[in-house]
Amino acid sequence: MRRAFGFAIVSLALMYAAEASDNRLVVPQISTGALVNLQSRQQRLDFQQRQQINREIDSLVTRQSQPRLDIPVMKPNCRPRQLGNSNMAQTC
């Protein structure tokens, strides 16, 4: 859709030039700078469209996340015990 924008401008310019009063095909003079600007704009639009598609694909993938696995956890059955003034030890 966005690529059509650039082509539409060029097509419109050609149609307007073809309808010149002397019935000659007049090729519009587009400066190199203007052409580079149009190409850069089109490349940016294409890149943005690809990024949007990638974001949509990523959001679909993350919505379908895998269920969390139920992994058993063993808790120690030990109690800390005071040894001496400040030493702590566990006895199981």
N, C-alpha and C. Protein backbone atom coordinates (compact mmCIF):
# COMPACT_ATOMS: atom_id res chain seq x y z
N MET A 1 0.82 -1.18 0.00
CA MET A 1 0.00 0.00 0.00
C MET A 1 0.87 1.26 0.00
N ARG A 2 1.87 1.29 0.84
CA ARG A 2 2.72 2.48 0.93
C ARG A 2 3.61 2.62 -0.29
N ARG A 3 3.99 1.48 -0.86
CA ARG A 3 4.82 1.52 -2.05
C ARG A 3 4.04 2.16 -3.20
N ALA A 4 2.73 1.93 -3.19
CA ALA A 4 1.88 2.49 -4.23
C ALA A 4 1.89 4.02 -4.18
N PHE A 5 2.12 4.59 -3.01
CA PHE A 5 2.16 6.04 -2.87
C PHE A 5 3.23 6.64 -3.76
N GLY A 6 4.44 6.06 -3.72
CA GLY A 6 5.54 6.57 -4.54
C GLY A 6 5.26 6.41 -6.02
N PHE A 7 4.71 5.26 -6.39
CA PHE A 7 4.39 5.03 -7.79
C PHE A 7 3.25 5.92 -8.26
N ALA A 8 2.33 6.22 -7.37
CA ALA A 8 1.20 7.07 -7.74
C ALA A 8 1.68 8.49 -8.07
N ILE A 9 2.63 8.98 -7.33
CA ILE A 9 3.16 10.32 -7.58
C ILE A 9 3.81 10.38 -8.95
N VAL A 10 4.64 9.38 -9.25
CA VAL A 10 5.32 9.35 -10.54
C VAL A 10 4.31 9.17 -11.66
N SER A 11 3.31 8.30 -11.47
CA SER A 11 2.29 8.08 -12.50
C SER A 11 1.49 9.35 -12.75
N LEU A 12 1.13 10.03 -11.70
CA LEU A 12 0.37 11.28 -11.84
C LEU A 12 1.19 12.32 -12.60
N ALA A 13 2.46 12.41 -12.29
CA ALA A 13 3.33 13.37 -12.99
C ALA A 13 3.43 13.03 -14.47
N LEU A 14 3.54 11.74 -14.78
CA LEU A 14 3.62 11.33 -16.19
C LEU A 14 2.31 11.60 -16.93
N MET A 15 1.18 11.32 -16.26
CA MET A 15 -0.12 11.57 -16.90
C MET A 15 -0.30 13.06 -17.17
N TYR A 16 0.07 13.88 -16.22
CA TYR A 16 -0.07 15.32 -16.38
C TYR A 16 0.83 15.82 -17.51
N ALA A 17 2.04 15.27 -17.56
CA ALA A 17 2.97 15.68 -18.61
C ALA A 17 2.48 15.22 -19.98
N ALA A 18 1.83 14.06 -20.06
CA ALA A 18 1.35 13.55 -21.34
C ALA A 18 0.20 14.39 -21.89
N GLU A 19 -0.50 15.06 -21.01
CA GLU A 19 -1.63 15.88 -21.44
C GLU A 19 -1.20 17.30 -21.80
N ALA A 20 0.07 17.48 -22.04
CA ALA A 20 0.57 18.81 -22.41
C ALA A 20 -0.08 19.25 -23.71
N SER A 21 -0.15 20.54 -23.91
CA SER A 21 -0.88 21.10 -25.06
C SER A 21 -0.27 20.71 -26.40
N ASP A 22 1.03 20.42 -26.45
CA ASP A 22 1.64 20.09 -27.73
C ASP A 22 1.64 18.60 -28.02
N ASN A 23 0.96 17.79 -27.18
CA ASN A 23 0.79 16.35 -27.36
C ASN A 23 2.11 15.58 -27.44
N ARG A 24 3.16 16.11 -26.88
CA ARG A 24 4.42 15.38 -26.78
C ARG A 24 4.52 14.79 -25.39
N LEU A 25 5.17 13.66 -25.30
CA LEU A 25 5.41 13.05 -24.00
C LEU A 25 6.54 13.82 -23.33
N VAL A 26 6.22 14.44 -22.23
CA VAL A 26 7.20 15.23 -21.49
C VAL A 26 7.59 14.43 -20.26
N VAL A 27 8.83 14.11 -20.16
CA VAL A 27 9.33 13.36 -19.01
C VAL A 27 9.65 14.36 -17.91
N PRO A 28 9.05 14.18 -16.75
CA PRO A 28 9.32 15.14 -15.68
C PRO A 28 10.78 15.06 -15.24
N GLN A 29 11.32 16.19 -14.94
CA GLN A 29 12.71 16.25 -14.49
C GLN A 29 12.72 16.13 -12.97
N ILE A 30 13.20 15.01 -12.51
CA ILE A 30 13.32 14.78 -11.07
C ILE A 30 14.79 14.85 -10.73
N SER A 31 15.11 15.71 -9.81
CA SER A 31 16.51 15.85 -9.43
C SER A 31 16.99 14.59 -8.70
N THR A 32 18.27 14.40 -8.71
CA THR A 32 18.85 13.24 -8.04
C THR A 32 18.53 13.26 -6.56
N GLY A 33 18.59 14.45 -5.98
CA GLY A 33 18.29 14.57 -4.55
C GLY A 33 16.85 14.18 -4.24
N ALA A 34 15.93 14.62 -5.09
CA ALA A 34 14.52 14.27 -4.88
C ALA A 34 14.30 12.78 -5.05
N LEU A 35 14.97 12.18 -6.01
CA LEU A 35 14.84 10.74 -6.23
C LEU A 35 15.40 9.96 -5.04
N VAL A 36 16.52 10.40 -4.53
CA VAL A 36 17.12 9.75 -3.36
C VAL A 36 16.19 9.89 -2.16
N ASN A 37 15.57 11.06 -2.00
CA ASN A 37 14.63 11.26 -0.90
C ASN A 37 13.43 10.33 -1.03
N LEU A 38 12.90 10.19 -2.24
CA LEU A 38 11.76 9.29 -2.45
C LEU A 38 12.14 7.84 -2.15
N GLN A 39 13.32 7.44 -2.61
CA GLN A 39 13.77 6.07 -2.35
C GLN A 39 13.99 5.84 -0.86
N SER A 40 14.56 6.80 -0.17
CA SER A 40 14.79 6.67 1.27
C SER A 40 13.46 6.57 2.01
N ARG A 41 12.52 7.39 1.62
CA ARG A 41 11.19 7.34 2.26
C ARG A 41 10.54 5.98 2.04
N GLN A 42 10.63 5.48 0.82
CA GLN A 42 10.04 4.18 0.53
C GLN A 42 10.71 3.07 1.32
N GLN A 43 12.04 3.13 1.44
CA GLN A 43 12.76 2.13 2.22
C GLN A 43 12.36 2.18 3.69
N ARG A 44 12.18 3.39 4.23
CA ARG A 44 11.75 3.52 5.63
C ARG A 44 10.36 2.93 5.82
N LEU A 45 9.47 3.22 4.89
CA LEU A 45 8.11 2.69 4.99
C LEU A 45 8.11 1.16 4.90
N ASP A 46 8.90 0.61 3.99
CA ASP A 46 9.01 -0.84 3.88
C ASP A 46 9.56 -1.45 5.16
N PHE A 47 10.60 -0.83 5.72
CA PHE A 47 11.19 -1.32 6.97
C PHE A 47 10.17 -1.29 8.10
N GLN A 48 9.44 -0.19 8.22
CA GLN A 48 8.44 -0.07 9.28
C GLN A 48 7.35 -1.14 9.13
N GLN A 49 6.97 -1.41 7.89
CA GLN A 49 5.95 -2.43 7.67
C GLN A 49 6.48 -3.81 8.06
N ARG A 50 7.74 -4.12 7.71
CA ARG A 50 8.33 -5.40 8.10
C ARG A 50 8.43 -5.51 9.62
N GLN A 51 8.80 -4.41 10.29
CA GLN A 51 8.90 -4.43 11.75
C GLN A 51 7.53 -4.68 12.38
N GLN A 52 6.49 -4.05 11.84
CA GLN A 52 5.14 -4.25 12.36
C GLN A 52 4.72 -5.71 12.21
N ILE A 53 5.01 -6.31 11.07
CA ILE A 53 4.68 -7.72 10.86
C ILE A 53 5.44 -8.59 11.85
N ASN A 54 6.73 -8.30 12.06
CA ASN A 54 7.53 -9.07 13.02
C ASN A 54 6.97 -8.93 14.44
N ARG A 55 6.55 -7.72 14.82
CA ARG A 55 5.97 -7.53 16.16
C ARG A 55 4.68 -8.34 16.32
N GLU A 56 3.85 -8.36 15.28
CA GLU A 56 2.61 -9.13 15.35
C GLU A 56 2.89 -10.62 15.48
N ILE A 57 3.88 -11.11 14.73
CA ILE A 57 4.25 -12.53 14.83
C ILE A 57 4.77 -12.83 16.23
N ASP A 58 5.64 -11.96 16.77
CA ASP A 58 6.18 -12.17 18.11
C ASP A 58 5.09 -12.18 19.17
N SER A 59 4.11 -11.30 19.04
CA SER A 59 3.04 -11.26 20.03
C SER A 59 2.19 -12.52 19.97
N LEU A 60 2.01 -13.09 18.79
CA LEU A 60 1.27 -14.35 18.67
C LEU A 60 2.04 -15.49 19.31
N VAL A 61 3.35 -15.50 19.13
CA VAL A 61 4.17 -16.56 19.69
C VAL A 61 4.19 -16.48 21.21
N THR A 62 4.30 -15.29 21.77
CA THR A 62 4.37 -15.17 23.23
C THR A 62 3.03 -15.46 23.89
N ARG A 63 1.93 -15.21 23.19
CA ARG A 63 0.62 -15.56 23.76
C ARG A 63 0.45 -17.06 23.88
N GLN A 64 1.10 -17.81 23.02
CA GLN A 64 0.99 -19.26 23.04
C GLN A 64 2.15 -19.86 23.82
N SER A 65 2.45 -19.28 24.98
CA SER A 65 3.61 -19.74 25.75
C SER A 65 3.34 -21.13 26.32
N GLN A 66 4.41 -21.83 26.59
CA GLN A 66 4.33 -23.18 27.11
C GLN A 66 3.92 -23.15 28.58
N PRO A 67 3.16 -24.15 29.01
CA PRO A 67 2.76 -24.17 30.43
C PRO A 67 3.99 -24.42 31.32
N ARG A 68 3.94 -23.88 32.51
CA ARG A 68 5.05 -24.07 33.45
C ARG A 68 5.08 -25.51 33.92
N LEU A 69 6.26 -26.06 33.99
CA LEU A 69 6.41 -27.43 34.45
C LEU A 69 6.34 -27.48 35.96
N ASP A 70 5.69 -28.52 36.48
CA ASP A 70 5.58 -28.70 37.92
C ASP A 70 6.74 -29.57 38.37
N ILE A 71 7.77 -28.91 38.90
CA ILE A 71 8.97 -29.63 39.34
C ILE A 71 8.93 -29.75 40.85
N PRO A 72 9.03 -30.97 41.36
CA PRO A 72 9.01 -31.13 42.82
C PRO A 72 10.26 -30.54 43.46
N VAL A 73 10.07 -29.92 44.61
CA VAL A 73 11.17 -29.30 45.34
C VAL A 73 11.28 -29.98 46.69
N MET A 74 12.48 -30.46 47.00
CA MET A 74 12.69 -31.11 48.30
C MET A 74 13.18 -30.07 49.29
N LYS A 75 12.50 -29.99 50.42
CA LYS A 75 12.90 -29.05 51.46
C LYS A 75 13.63 -29.83 52.55
N PRO A 76 14.71 -29.25 53.05
CA PRO A 76 15.45 -29.97 54.09
C PRO A 76 14.65 -30.04 55.39
N ASN A 77 14.87 -31.10 56.11
CA ASN A 77 14.17 -31.32 57.37
C ASN A 77 15.13 -31.04 58.52
N CYS A 78 15.97 -30.04 58.36
CA CYS A 78 17.01 -29.73 59.34
C CYS A 78 16.63 -28.48 60.13
N ARG A 79 17.18 -28.40 61.36
CA ARG A 79 16.98 -27.21 62.18
C ARG A 79 18.33 -26.65 62.57
N PRO A 80 18.43 -25.32 62.53
CA PRO A 80 19.71 -24.73 62.94
C PRO A 80 19.91 -24.91 64.46
N ARG A 81 21.16 -25.08 64.85
CA ARG A 81 21.48 -25.27 66.27
C ARG A 81 22.68 -24.42 66.61
N GLN A 82 22.63 -23.79 67.74
CA GLN A 82 23.71 -22.91 68.19
C GLN A 82 24.85 -23.74 68.75
N LEU A 83 26.04 -23.46 68.20
CA LEU A 83 27.25 -24.10 68.71
C LEU A 83 28.18 -23.00 69.23
N GLY A 84 28.39 -22.96 70.49
CA GLY A 84 29.26 -21.94 71.05
C GLY A 84 28.57 -20.60 71.10
N ASN A 85 29.39 -19.52 71.04
CA ASN A 85 28.84 -18.17 71.19
C ASN A 85 28.09 -17.70 69.94
N SER A 86 28.69 -17.82 68.75
CA SER A 86 28.06 -17.27 67.56
C SER A 86 28.02 -18.24 66.39
N ASN A 87 28.44 -19.45 66.57
CA ASN A 87 28.45 -20.41 65.48
C ASN A 87 27.10 -21.11 65.38
N MET A 88 26.65 -21.20 64.13
CA MET A 88 25.39 -21.91 63.89
C MET A 88 25.71 -23.15 63.05
N ALA A 89 25.02 -24.23 63.34
CA ALA A 89 25.21 -25.46 62.56
C ALA A 89 23.85 -26.11 62.38
N GLN A 90 23.74 -26.86 61.31
CA GLN A 90 22.50 -27.59 61.09
C GLN A 90 22.76 -29.07 61.34
N THR A 91 21.86 -29.66 62.02
CA THR A 91 21.96 -31.10 62.25
C THR A 91 20.73 -31.74 61.63
N CYS A 92 20.97 -32.75 60.87
CA CYS A 92 19.85 -33.41 60.19
C CYS A 92 19.73 -34.83 60.69
